[in-house]
Amino acid sequence: MQKEELLKQLGAHIRKLREERNLSQSDLAASIGKDQQSIQRLEAGKINPTFYYLHQIAEGLSVNVNELTNFVIENK
């Protein structure tokens, strides 16, 4: 799988988890000290997040980091 496709899938999965929790991008961003544009870029697959950033996102969504990346295992 190409890097760009993987990042898009990660972003789509994060968006799905966020929407399931009825959070806006702004809500999630505010809860982790980021700006809305940062979340927008993440969900669009435009950035390659660090592990720490994924940890922050997981905390903001009240999930563990494994749940953020679990989609990768399912798509193998």
PDB file of N, CA and C in Angstrom:
ATOM      1  N   MET A   1       0.844  -1.171   0.000  1.00  0.00           N
ATOM      2  CA  MET A   1       0.000   0.000   0.000  1.00  0.00           C
ATOM      3  C   MET A   1       0.895   1.242   0.000  1.00  0.00           C
ATOM      4  N   GLN A   2       0.542   2.192  -0.815  1.00  0.00           N
ATOM      5  CA  GLN A   2       1.305   3.436  -0.901  1.00  0.00           C
ATOM      6  C   GLN A   2       1.079   4.301   0.342  1.00  0.00           C
ATOM      7  N   LYS A   3       2.086   5.080   0.668  1.00  0.00           N
ATOM      8  CA  LYS A   3       2.038   5.964   1.829  1.00  0.00           C
ATOM      9  C   LYS A   3       0.823   6.889   1.778  1.00  0.00           C
ATOM     10  N   GLU A   4       0.577   7.504   0.630  1.00  0.00           N
ATOM     11  CA  GLU A   4      -0.523   8.459   0.504  1.00  0.00           C
ATOM     12  C   GLU A   4      -1.869   7.788   0.777  1.00  0.00           C
ATOM     13  N   GLU A   5      -2.054   6.592   0.256  1.00  0.00           N
ATOM     14  CA  GLU A   5      -3.311   5.869   0.458  1.00  0.00           C
ATOM     15  C   GLU A   5      -3.482   5.487   1.926  1.00  0.00           C
ATOM     16  N   LEU A   6      -2.420   5.056   2.557  1.00  0.00           N
ATOM     17  CA  LEU A   6      -2.473   4.693   3.968  1.00  0.00           C
ATOM     18  C   LEU A   6      -2.842   5.899   4.830  1.00  0.00           C
ATOM     19  N   LEU A   7      -2.254   7.058   4.543  1.00  0.00           N
ATOM     20  CA  LEU A   7      -2.556   8.265   5.308  1.00  0.00           C
ATOM     21  C   LEU A   7      -4.005   8.706   5.088  1.00  0.00           C
ATOM     22  N   LYS A   8      -4.515   8.542   3.872  1.00  0.00           N
ATOM     23  CA  LYS A   8      -5.925   8.865   3.606  1.00  0.00           C
ATOM     24  C   LYS A   8      -6.844   7.943   4.388  1.00  0.00           C
ATOM     25  N   GLN A   9      -6.501   6.659   4.445  1.00  0.00           N
ATOM     26  CA  GLN A   9      -7.324   5.708   5.193  1.00  0.00           C
ATOM     27  C   GLN A   9      -7.292   5.999   6.685  1.00  0.00           C
ATOM     28  N   LEU A  10      -6.114   6.351   7.199  1.00  0.00           N
ATOM     29  CA  LEU A  10      -6.002   6.734   8.600  1.00  0.00           C
ATOM     30  C   LEU A  10      -6.881   7.948   8.876  1.00  0.00           C
ATOM     31  N   GLY A  11      -6.790   8.954   8.026  1.00  0.00           N
ATOM     32  CA  GLY A  11      -7.597  10.158   8.194  1.00  0.00           C
ATOM     33  C   GLY A  11      -9.086   9.872   8.159  1.00  0.00           C
ATOM     34  N   ALA A  12      -9.509   9.023   7.226  1.00  0.00           N
ATOM     35  CA  ALA A  12     -10.929   8.667   7.124  1.00  0.00           C
ATOM     36  C   ALA A  12     -11.392   7.929   8.380  1.00  0.00           C
ATOM     37  N   HIS A  13     -10.529   7.080   8.912  1.00  0.00           N
ATOM     38  CA  HIS A  13     -10.881   6.338  10.130  1.00  0.00           C
ATOM     39  C   HIS A  13     -10.999   7.286  11.322  1.00  0.00           C
ATOM     40  N   ILE A  14     -10.090   8.224  11.432  1.00  0.00           N
ATOM     41  CA  ILE A  14     -10.155   9.202  12.517  1.00  0.00           C
ATOM     42  C   ILE A  14     -11.423  10.035  12.378  1.00  0.00           C
ATOM     43  N   ARG A  15     -11.752  10.453  11.161  1.00  0.00           N
ATOM     44  CA  ARG A  15     -12.989  11.212  10.930  1.00  0.00           C
ATOM     45  C   ARG A  15     -14.208  10.408  11.371  1.00  0.00           C
ATOM     46  N   LYS A  16     -14.236   9.122  11.017  1.00  0.00           N
ATOM     47  CA  LYS A  16     -15.357   8.260  11.407  1.00  0.00           C
ATOM     48  C   LYS A  16     -15.485   8.194  12.925  1.00  0.00           C
ATOM     49  N   LEU A  17     -14.358   7.979  13.616  1.00  0.00           N
ATOM     50  CA  LEU A  17     -14.393   7.918  15.081  1.00  0.00           C
ATOM     51  C   LEU A  17     -14.852   9.246  15.681  1.00  0.00           C
ATOM     52  N   ARG A  18     -14.388  10.349  15.105  1.00  0.00           N
ATOM     53  CA  ARG A  18     -14.777  11.672  15.597  1.00  0.00           C
ATOM     54  C   ARG A  18     -16.278  11.896  15.415  1.00  0.00           C
ATOM     55  N   GLU A  19     -16.769  11.567  14.239  1.00  0.00           N
ATOM     56  CA  GLU A  19     -18.191  11.770  13.949  1.00  0.00           C
ATOM     57  C   GLU A  19     -19.073  10.865  14.805  1.00  0.00           C
ATOM     58  N   GLU A  20     -18.626   9.647  15.093  1.00  0.00           N
ATOM     59  CA  GLU A  20     -19.377   8.742  15.974  1.00  0.00           C
ATOM     60  C   GLU A  20     -19.539   9.339  17.366  1.00  0.00           C
ATOM     61  N   ARG A  21     -18.621  10.218  17.735  1.00  0.00           N
ATOM     62  CA  ARG A  21     -18.668  10.856  19.060  1.00  0.00           C
ATOM     63  C   ARG A  21     -19.304  12.242  19.010  1.00  0.00           C
ATOM     64  N   ASN A  22     -19.865  12.568  17.837  1.00  0.00           N
ATOM     65  CA  ASN A  22     -20.526  13.859  17.630  1.00  0.00           C
ATOM     66  C   ASN A  22     -19.628  15.041  17.964  1.00  0.00           C
ATOM     67  N   LEU A  23     -18.361  14.922  17.572  1.00  0.00           N
ATOM     68  CA  LEU A  23     -17.404  16.001  17.773  1.00  0.00           C
ATOM     69  C   LEU A  23     -17.128  16.676  16.435  1.00  0.00           C
ATOM     70  N   SER A  24     -17.030  17.983  16.443  1.00  0.00           N
ATOM     71  CA  SER A  24     -16.585  18.704  15.254  1.00  0.00           C
ATOM     72  C   SER A  24     -15.058  18.666  15.233  1.00  0.00           C
ATOM     73  N   GLN A  25     -14.490  19.036  14.102  1.00  0.00           N
ATOM     74  CA  GLN A  25     -13.032  19.142  14.038  1.00  0.00           C
ATOM     75  C   GLN A  25     -12.550  20.160  15.060  1.00  0.00           C
ATOM     76  N   SER A  26     -13.285  21.239  15.212  1.00  0.00           N
ATOM     77  CA  SER A  26     -12.909  22.275  16.180  1.00  0.00           C
ATOM     78  C   SER A  26     -12.963  21.754  17.607  1.00  0.00           C
ATOM     79  N   ASP A  27     -13.984  20.953  17.917  1.00  0.00           N
ATOM     80  CA  ASP A  27     -14.094  20.374  19.258  1.00  0.00           C
ATOM     81  C   ASP A  27     -12.891  19.494  19.574  1.00  0.00           C
ATOM     82  N   LEU A  28     -12.561  18.610  18.639  1.00  0.00           N
ATOM     83  CA  LEU A  28     -11.429  17.710  18.839  1.00  0.00           C
ATOM     84  C   LEU A  28     -10.135  18.512  18.968  1.00  0.00           C
ATOM     85  N   ALA A  29      -9.961  19.466  18.076  1.00  0.00           N
ATOM     86  CA  ALA A  29      -8.746  20.279  18.104  1.00  0.00           C
ATOM     87  C   ALA A  29      -8.596  20.993  19.445  1.00  0.00           C
ATOM     88  N   ALA A  30      -9.667  21.602  19.915  1.00  0.00           N
ATOM     89  CA  ALA A  30      -9.605  22.342  21.179  1.00  0.00           C
ATOM     90  C   ALA A  30      -9.272  21.421  22.347  1.00  0.00           C
ATOM     91  N   SER A  31      -9.775  20.198  22.297  1.00  0.00           N
ATOM     92  CA  SER A  31      -9.551  19.272  23.413  1.00  0.00           C
ATOM     93  C   SER A  31      -8.100  18.807  23.517  1.00  0.00           C
ATOM     94  N   ILE A  32      -7.335  18.938  22.427  1.00  0.00           N
ATOM     95  CA  ILE A  32      -5.936  18.489  22.445  1.00  0.00           C
ATOM     96  C   ILE A  32      -4.953  19.621  22.189  1.00  0.00           C
ATOM     97  N   GLY A  33      -5.432  20.855  22.174  1.00  0.00           N
ATOM     98  CA  GLY A  33      -4.538  21.993  22.004  1.00  0.00           C
ATOM     99  C   GLY A  33      -4.014  22.204  20.599  1.00  0.00           C
ATOM    100  N   LYS A  34      -4.795  21.808  19.609  1.00  0.00           N
ATOM    101  CA  LYS A  34      -4.429  22.008  18.200  1.00  0.00           C
ATOM    102  C   LYS A  34      -5.427  22.970  17.573  1.00  0.00           C
ATOM    103  N   ASP A  35      -5.185  23.344  16.324  1.00  0.00           N
ATOM    104  CA  ASP A  35      -6.175  24.152  15.619  1.00  0.00           C
ATOM    105  C   ASP A  35      -6.995  23.261  14.681  1.00  0.00           C
ATOM    106  N   GLN A  36      -8.130  23.754  14.268  1.00  0.00           N
ATOM    107  CA  GLN A  36      -9.048  22.984  13.421  1.00  0.00           C
ATOM    108  C   GLN A  36      -8.392  22.595  12.102  1.00  0.00           C
ATOM    109  N   GLN A  37      -7.570  23.473  11.552  1.00  0.00           N
ATOM    110  CA  GLN A  37      -6.904  23.176  10.280  1.00  0.00           C
ATOM    111  C   GLN A  37      -5.977  21.973  10.394  1.00  0.00           C
ATOM    112  N   SER A  38      -5.372  21.790  11.561  1.00  0.00           N
ATOM    113  CA  SER A  38      -4.504  20.645  11.781  1.00  0.00           C
ATOM    114  C   SER A  38      -5.305  19.340  11.696  1.00  0.00           C
ATOM    115  N   ILE A  39      -6.479  19.333  12.319  1.00  0.00           N
ATOM    116  CA  ILE A  39      -7.350  18.149  12.262  1.00  0.00           C
ATOM    117  C   ILE A  39      -7.834  17.928  10.835  1.00  0.00           C
ATOM    118  N   GLN A  40      -8.160  19.013  10.163  1.00  0.00           N
ATOM    119  CA  GLN A  40      -8.624  18.913   8.770  1.00  0.00           C
ATOM    120  C   GLN A  40      -7.553  18.267   7.889  1.00  0.00           C
ATOM    121  N   ARG A  41      -6.304  18.700   8.038  1.00  0.00           N
ATOM    122  CA  ARG A  41      -5.208  18.119   7.248  1.00  0.00           C
ATOM    123  C   ARG A  41      -4.993  16.648   7.593  1.00  0.00           C
ATOM    124  N   LEU A  42      -5.094  16.321   8.882  1.00  0.00           N
ATOM    125  CA  LEU A  42      -4.941  14.930   9.311  1.00  0.00           C
ATOM    126  C   LEU A  42      -6.007  14.054   8.675  1.00  0.00           C
ATOM    127  N   GLU A  43      -7.262  14.489   8.756  1.00  0.00           N
ATOM    128  CA  GLU A  43      -8.362  13.690   8.214  1.00  0.00           C
ATOM    129  C   GLU A  43      -8.313  13.583   6.693  1.00  0.00           C
ATOM    130  N   ALA A  44      -7.708  14.554   6.043  1.00  0.00           N
ATOM    131  CA  ALA A  44      -7.573  14.518   4.582  1.00  0.00           C
ATOM    132  C   ALA A  44      -6.377  13.685   4.135  1.00  0.00           C
ATOM    133  N   GLY A  45      -5.580  13.207   5.083  1.00  0.00           N
ATOM    134  CA  GLY A  45      -4.406  12.412   4.739  1.00  0.00           C
ATOM    135  C   GLY A  45      -3.257  13.244   4.222  1.00  0.00           C
ATOM    136  N   LYS A  46      -3.250  14.525   4.554  1.00  0.00           N
ATOM    137  CA  LYS A  46      -2.223  15.437   4.046  1.00  0.00           C
ATOM    138  C   LYS A  46      -0.975  15.481   4.915  1.00  0.00           C
ATOM    139  N   ILE A  47      -1.053  14.915   6.120  1.00  0.00           N
ATOM    140  CA  ILE A  47       0.118  14.914   7.000  1.00  0.00           C
ATOM    141  C   ILE A  47       0.386  13.498   7.496  1.00  0.00           C
ATOM    142  N   ASN A  48       1.632  13.262   7.847  1.00  0.00           N
ATOM    143  CA  ASN A  48       2.054  11.996   8.431  1.00  0.00           C
ATOM    144  C   ASN A  48       2.253  12.264   9.922  1.00  0.00           C
ATOM    145  N   PRO A  49       1.252  11.923  10.750  1.00  0.00           N
ATOM    146  CA  PRO A  49       1.321  12.296  12.163  1.00  0.00           C
ATOM    147  C   PRO A  49       2.383  11.510  12.925  1.00  0.00           C
ATOM    148  N   THR A  50       2.955  12.178  13.910  1.00  0.00           N
ATOM    149  CA  THR A  50       3.891  11.509  14.798  1.00  0.00           C
ATOM    150  C   THR A  50       3.108  10.592  15.736  1.00  0.00           C
ATOM    151  N   PHE A  51       3.827   9.718  16.400  1.00  0.00           N
ATOM    152  CA  PHE A  51       3.179   8.852  17.379  1.00  0.00           C
ATOM    153  C   PHE A  51       2.541   9.691  18.485  1.00  0.00           C
ATOM    154  N   TYR A  52       3.235  10.750  18.905  1.00  0.00           N
ATOM    155  CA  TYR A  52       2.690  11.587  19.966  1.00  0.00           C
ATOM    156  C   TYR A  52       1.397  12.272  19.524  1.00  0.00           C
ATOM    157  N   TYR A  53       1.354  12.722  18.278  1.00  0.00           N
ATOM    158  CA  TYR A  53       0.132  13.340  17.751  1.00  0.00           C
ATOM    159  C   TYR A  53      -1.002  12.313  17.749  1.00  0.00           C
ATOM    160  N   LEU A  54      -0.718  11.086  17.328  1.00  0.00           N
ATOM    161  CA  LEU A  54      -1.746  10.040  17.365  1.00  0.00           C
ATOM    162  C   LEU A  54      -2.206   9.774  18.796  1.00  0.00           C
ATOM    163  N   HIS A  55      -1.270   9.824  19.726  1.00  0.00           N
ATOM    164  CA  HIS A  55      -1.615   9.658  21.141  1.00  0.00           C
ATOM    165  C   HIS A  55      -2.564  10.773  21.586  1.00  0.00           C
ATOM    166  N   GLN A  56      -2.302  12.011  21.183  1.00  0.00           N
ATOM    167  CA  GLN A  56      -3.179  13.129  21.515  1.00  0.00           C
ATOM    168  C   GLN A  56      -4.568  12.933  20.904  1.00  0.00           C
ATOM    169  N   ILE A  57      -4.617  12.531  19.656  1.00  0.00           N
ATOM    170  CA  ILE A  57      -5.898  12.294  18.979  1.00  0.00           C
ATOM    171  C   ILE A  57      -6.670  11.200  19.710  1.00  0.00           C
ATOM    172  N   ALA A  58      -5.986  10.126  20.057  1.00  0.00           N
ATOM    173  CA  ALA A  58      -6.631   9.027  20.783  1.00  0.00           C
ATOM    174  C   ALA A  58      -7.226   9.525  22.097  1.00  0.00           C
ATOM    175  N   GLU A  59      -6.480  10.325  22.828  1.00  0.00           N
ATOM    176  CA  GLU A  59      -7.005  10.866  24.078  1.00  0.00           C
ATOM    177  C   GLU A  59      -8.228  11.741  23.831  1.00  0.00           C
ATOM    178  N   GLY A  60      -8.167  12.569  22.795  1.00  0.00           N
ATOM    179  CA  GLY A  60      -9.288  13.443  22.466  1.00  0.00           C
ATOM    180  C   GLY A  60     -10.534  12.681  22.062  1.00  0.00           C
ATOM    181  N   LEU A  61     -10.349  11.490  21.506  1.00  0.00           N
ATOM    182  CA  LEU A  61     -11.477  10.652  21.089  1.00  0.00           C
ATOM    183  C   LEU A  61     -11.841   9.605  22.140  1.00  0.00           C
ATOM    184  N   SER A  62     -11.112   9.579  23.230  1.00  0.00           N
ATOM    185  CA  SER A  62     -11.315   8.598  24.306  1.00  0.00           C
ATOM    186  C   SER A  62     -11.197   7.163  23.809  1.00  0.00           C
ATOM    187  N   VAL A  63     -10.153   6.924  23.019  1.00  0.00           N
ATOM    188  CA  VAL A  63      -9.823   5.576  22.552  1.00  0.00           C
ATOM    189  C   VAL A  63      -8.336   5.364  22.800  1.00  0.00           C
ATOM    190  N   ASN A  64      -7.863   4.142  22.592  1.00  0.00           N
ATOM    191  CA  ASN A  64      -6.420   3.948  22.675  1.00  0.00           C
ATOM    192  C   ASN A  64      -5.827   4.028  21.270  1.00  0.00           C
ATOM    193  N   VAL A  65      -4.540   4.197  21.192  1.00  0.00           N
ATOM    194  CA  VAL A  65      -3.874   4.366  19.904  1.00  0.00           C
ATOM    195  C   VAL A  65      -4.113   3.157  19.005  1.00  0.00           C
ATOM    196  N   ASN A  66      -4.192   1.980  19.598  1.00  0.00           N
ATOM    197  CA  ASN A  66      -4.449   0.783  18.804  1.00  0.00           C
ATOM    198  C   ASN A  66      -5.761   0.899  18.031  1.00  0.00           C
ATOM    199  N   GLU A  67      -6.769   1.491  18.636  1.00  0.00           N
ATOM    200  CA  GLU A  67      -8.052   1.660  17.942  1.00  0.00           C
ATOM    201  C   GLU A  67      -7.934   2.613  16.759  1.00  0.00           C
ATOM    202  N   LEU A  68      -7.007   3.560  16.826  1.00  0.00           N
ATOM    203  CA  LEU A  68      -6.812   4.466  15.693  1.00  0.00           C
ATOM    204  C   LEU A  68      -6.211   3.740  14.505  1.00  0.00           C
ATOM    205  N   THR A  69      -5.339   2.774  14.782  1.00  0.00           N
ATOM    206  CA  THR A  69      -4.628   2.096  13.698  1.00  0.00           C
ATOM    207  C   THR A  69      -5.192   0.722  13.370  1.00  0.00           C
ATOM    208  N   ASN A  70      -6.216   0.315  14.070  1.00  0.00           N
ATOM    209  CA  ASN A  70      -6.789  -1.013  13.864  1.00  0.00           C
ATOM    210  C   ASN A  70      -7.294  -1.220  12.448  1.00  0.00           C
ATOM    211  N   PHE A  71      -7.710  -0.169  11.777  1.00  0.00           N
ATOM    212  CA  PHE A  71      -8.204  -0.296  10.411  1.00  0.00           C
ATOM    213  C   PHE A  71      -7.153  -0.867   9.477  1.00  0.00           C
ATOM    214  N   VAL A  72      -5.862  -0.631   9.770  1.00  0.00           N
ATOM    215  CA  VAL A  72      -4.780  -1.125   8.926  1.00  0.00           C
ATOM    216  C   VAL A  72      -4.769  -2.641   8.936  1.00  0.00           C
ATOM    217  N   ILE A  73      -4.941  -3.220  10.105  1.00  0.00           N
ATOM    218  CA  ILE A  73      -4.961  -4.664  10.248  1.00  0.00           C
ATOM    219  C   ILE A  73      -6.165  -5.250   9.496  1.00  0.00           C
ATOM    220  N   GLU A  74      -7.310  -4.600   9.620  1.00  0.00           N
ATOM    221  CA  GLU A  74      -8.524  -5.081   8.955  1.00  0.00           C
ATOM    222  C   GLU A  74      -8.408  -5.044   7.450  1.00  0.00           C
ATOM    223  N   ASN A  75      -7.618  -4.123   6.883  1.00  0.00           N
ATOM    224  CA  ASN A  75      -7.510  -3.970   5.446  1.00  0.00           C
ATOM    225  C   ASN A  75      -6.411  -4.819   4.823  1.00  0.00           C
ATOM    226  N   LYS A  76      -5.679  -5.593   5.610  1.00  0.00           N
ATOM    227  CA  LYS A  76      -4.593  -6.418   5.068  1.00  0.00           C
ATOM    228  C   LYS A  76      -5.150  -7.573   4.275  1.00  0.00           C
TER     229      LYS A  76
END
